[in-house]
């Protein structure tokens, strides 16, 4: 069982961004507006620490290394019962995420974990 997945469209964009920028990471904050969108950075560019939780090391076909997915600890406390799917939609977000110049933005789709899924993760 995994907490985070990617859609085929997101995987395509991740492969493209990986080719341009090297290894990647995501960070999901709890901010408003675009602050609640997953932000994609070159791996290590966004400094994580004790206030962050590593939710997943995503295996994306065609990407040699895992793509880490981090979330602020305070946001994780609110979202711990959800499964997240990274998707991509047309439009430009306002932020420092690597996909911004591409005319698309990453988006999180979520659903509640079943009791069985939650038990398997905890």
Protein backbone atom coordinates (compact mmCIF):
# COMPACT_ATOMS: atom_id res chain seq x y z
CA UNK A 1 0.00 0.00 0.00
CA UNK A 2 1.23 3.45 -0.89
CA UNK A 3 0.14 6.89 0.28
CA UNK A 4 1.03 8.67 -2.98
CA UNK A 5 0.60 7.75 -6.64
CA UNK A 6 1.03 9.59 -9.94
CA UNK A 7 -1.21 9.69 -12.99
CA UNK A 8 0.22 8.80 -16.43
CA UNK A 9 0.14 12.51 -17.36
CA UNK A 10 2.06 13.44 -14.21
CA UNK A 11 4.58 10.66 -14.89
CA UNK A 12 5.15 12.05 -18.41
CA UNK A 13 5.80 15.52 -17.02
CA UNK A 14 8.08 14.15 -14.29
CA UNK A 15 10.14 12.33 -16.95
CA UNK A 16 10.44 15.54 -18.98
CA UNK A 17 11.37 17.66 -15.97
CA UNK A 18 13.88 15.01 -14.84
CA UNK A 19 15.55 15.20 -18.25
CA UNK A 20 15.95 18.96 -17.91
CA UNK A 21 16.60 19.43 -14.19
CA UNK A 22 18.00 16.15 -12.89
CA UNK A 23 16.64 14.27 -9.84
CA UNK A 24 13.38 15.69 -8.48
CA UNK A 25 11.41 16.02 -5.28
CA UNK A 26 7.94 17.23 -4.30
CA UNK A 27 6.88 19.17 -1.24
CA UNK A 28 3.24 19.56 -0.26
CA UNK A 29 2.61 22.41 2.15
CA UNK A 30 -0.60 23.37 3.84
CA UNK A 31 -0.80 26.91 2.52
CA UNK A 32 -3.74 28.50 0.78
CA UNK A 33 -4.17 28.89 -2.97
CA UNK A 34 -1.11 27.55 -4.81
CA UNK A 35 0.52 26.93 -1.45
CA UNK A 36 -1.65 23.82 -1.25
CA UNK A 37 -0.42 22.52 -4.62
CA UNK A 38 2.45 20.06 -4.71
CA UNK A 39 5.63 21.92 -5.58
CA UNK A 40 8.29 20.18 -7.68
CA UNK A 41 11.94 21.07 -7.16
CA UNK A 42 15.34 19.67 -8.05
CA UNK A 43 16.08 17.07 -5.35
CA UNK A 44 17.53 18.79 -2.29
CA UNK A 45 16.70 22.33 -3.42
CA UNK A 46 13.85 22.57 -0.91
CA UNK A 47 15.32 21.97 2.51
CA UNK A 48 13.35 19.49 4.57
CA UNK A 49 13.76 18.92 8.28
CA UNK A 50 12.03 17.80 11.44
CA UNK A 51 8.89 19.74 10.47
CA UNK A 52 8.44 17.57 7.34
CA UNK A 53 7.33 13.97 6.72
CA UNK A 54 8.57 11.81 3.84
CA UNK A 55 5.35 10.26 2.50
CA UNK A 56 6.74 8.40 -0.48
CA UNK A 57 9.69 7.66 -2.68
CA UNK A 58 7.88 7.46 -5.99
CA UNK A 59 9.08 5.02 -8.63
CA UNK A 60 8.35 6.57 -12.02
CA UNK A 61 9.06 4.51 -15.14
CA UNK A 62 11.88 6.10 -17.09
CA UNK A 63 13.30 7.92 -14.06
CA UNK A 64 16.40 6.29 -12.62
CA UNK A 65 15.95 7.35 -9.00
CA UNK A 66 12.92 7.67 -6.73
CA UNK A 67 11.13 11.03 -6.64
CA UNK A 68 10.66 11.92 -2.99
CA UNK A 69 7.33 13.34 -1.84
CA UNK A 70 7.40 15.38 1.36
CA UNK A 71 4.65 17.08 3.34
CA UNK A 72 4.78 19.49 6.24
CA UNK A 73 4.14 17.62 9.49
CA UNK A 74 1.23 19.89 10.41
CA UNK A 75 -0.44 19.21 7.05
CA UNK A 76 0.16 15.47 7.39
CA UNK A 77 -1.72 15.48 10.69
CA UNK A 78 -4.77 16.75 8.79
CA UNK A 79 -4.30 14.53 5.71
CA UNK A 80 -3.01 11.29 7.30
CA UNK A 81 -6.27 9.52 6.39
CA UNK A 82 -6.00 10.29 2.68
CA UNK A 83 -4.45 8.72 -0.39
CA UNK A 84 -2.91 11.33 -2.69
CA UNK A 85 -2.57 11.20 -6.45
CA UNK A 86 -0.30 13.68 -8.22
CA UNK A 87 -1.93 14.82 -11.46
CA UNK A 88 -1.24 17.59 -13.95
CA UNK A 89 -3.74 20.07 -15.40
CA UNK A 90 -3.51 22.94 -17.89
CA UNK A 91 -2.85 26.37 -16.47
CA UNK A 92 -0.02 28.10 -14.76
CA UNK A 93 0.30 28.10 -11.01
CA UNK A 94 2.04 30.94 -9.27
CA UNK A 95 5.05 29.52 -7.57
CA UNK A 96 8.55 28.19 -7.94
CA UNK A 97 7.52 24.71 -9.03
CA UNK A 98 9.53 23.48 -12.02
CA UNK A 99 6.50 22.92 -14.26
CA UNK A 100 5.35 26.56 -14.11
CA UNK A 101 6.99 27.58 -17.44
CA UNK A 102 5.38 24.58 -19.19
CA UNK A 103 1.84 26.03 -19.04
CA UNK A 104 0.64 23.26 -16.72
CA UNK A 105 0.60 22.69 -12.99
CA UNK A 106 0.70 19.74 -10.68
CA UNK A 107 -2.46 19.10 -8.69
CA UNK A 108 -3.31 16.72 -5.84
CA UNK A 109 -6.36 14.52 -6.06
CA UNK A 110 -7.26 12.81 -2.80
CA UNK A 111 -9.55 10.20 -1.39
CA UNK A 112 -10.02 8.76 2.07
CA UNK A 113 -8.06 5.61 2.82
CA UNK A 114 -10.15 2.57 3.64
CA UNK A 115 -9.77 1.23 7.20
CA UNK A 116 -7.79 -1.69 5.77
CA UNK A 117 -5.44 0.62 3.84
CA UNK A 118 -4.92 2.82 6.87
CA UNK A 119 -4.13 -0.19 9.05
CA UNK A 120 -1.58 -1.42 6.49
CA UNK A 121 0.17 1.97 6.51
CA UNK A 122 0.30 2.37 10.28
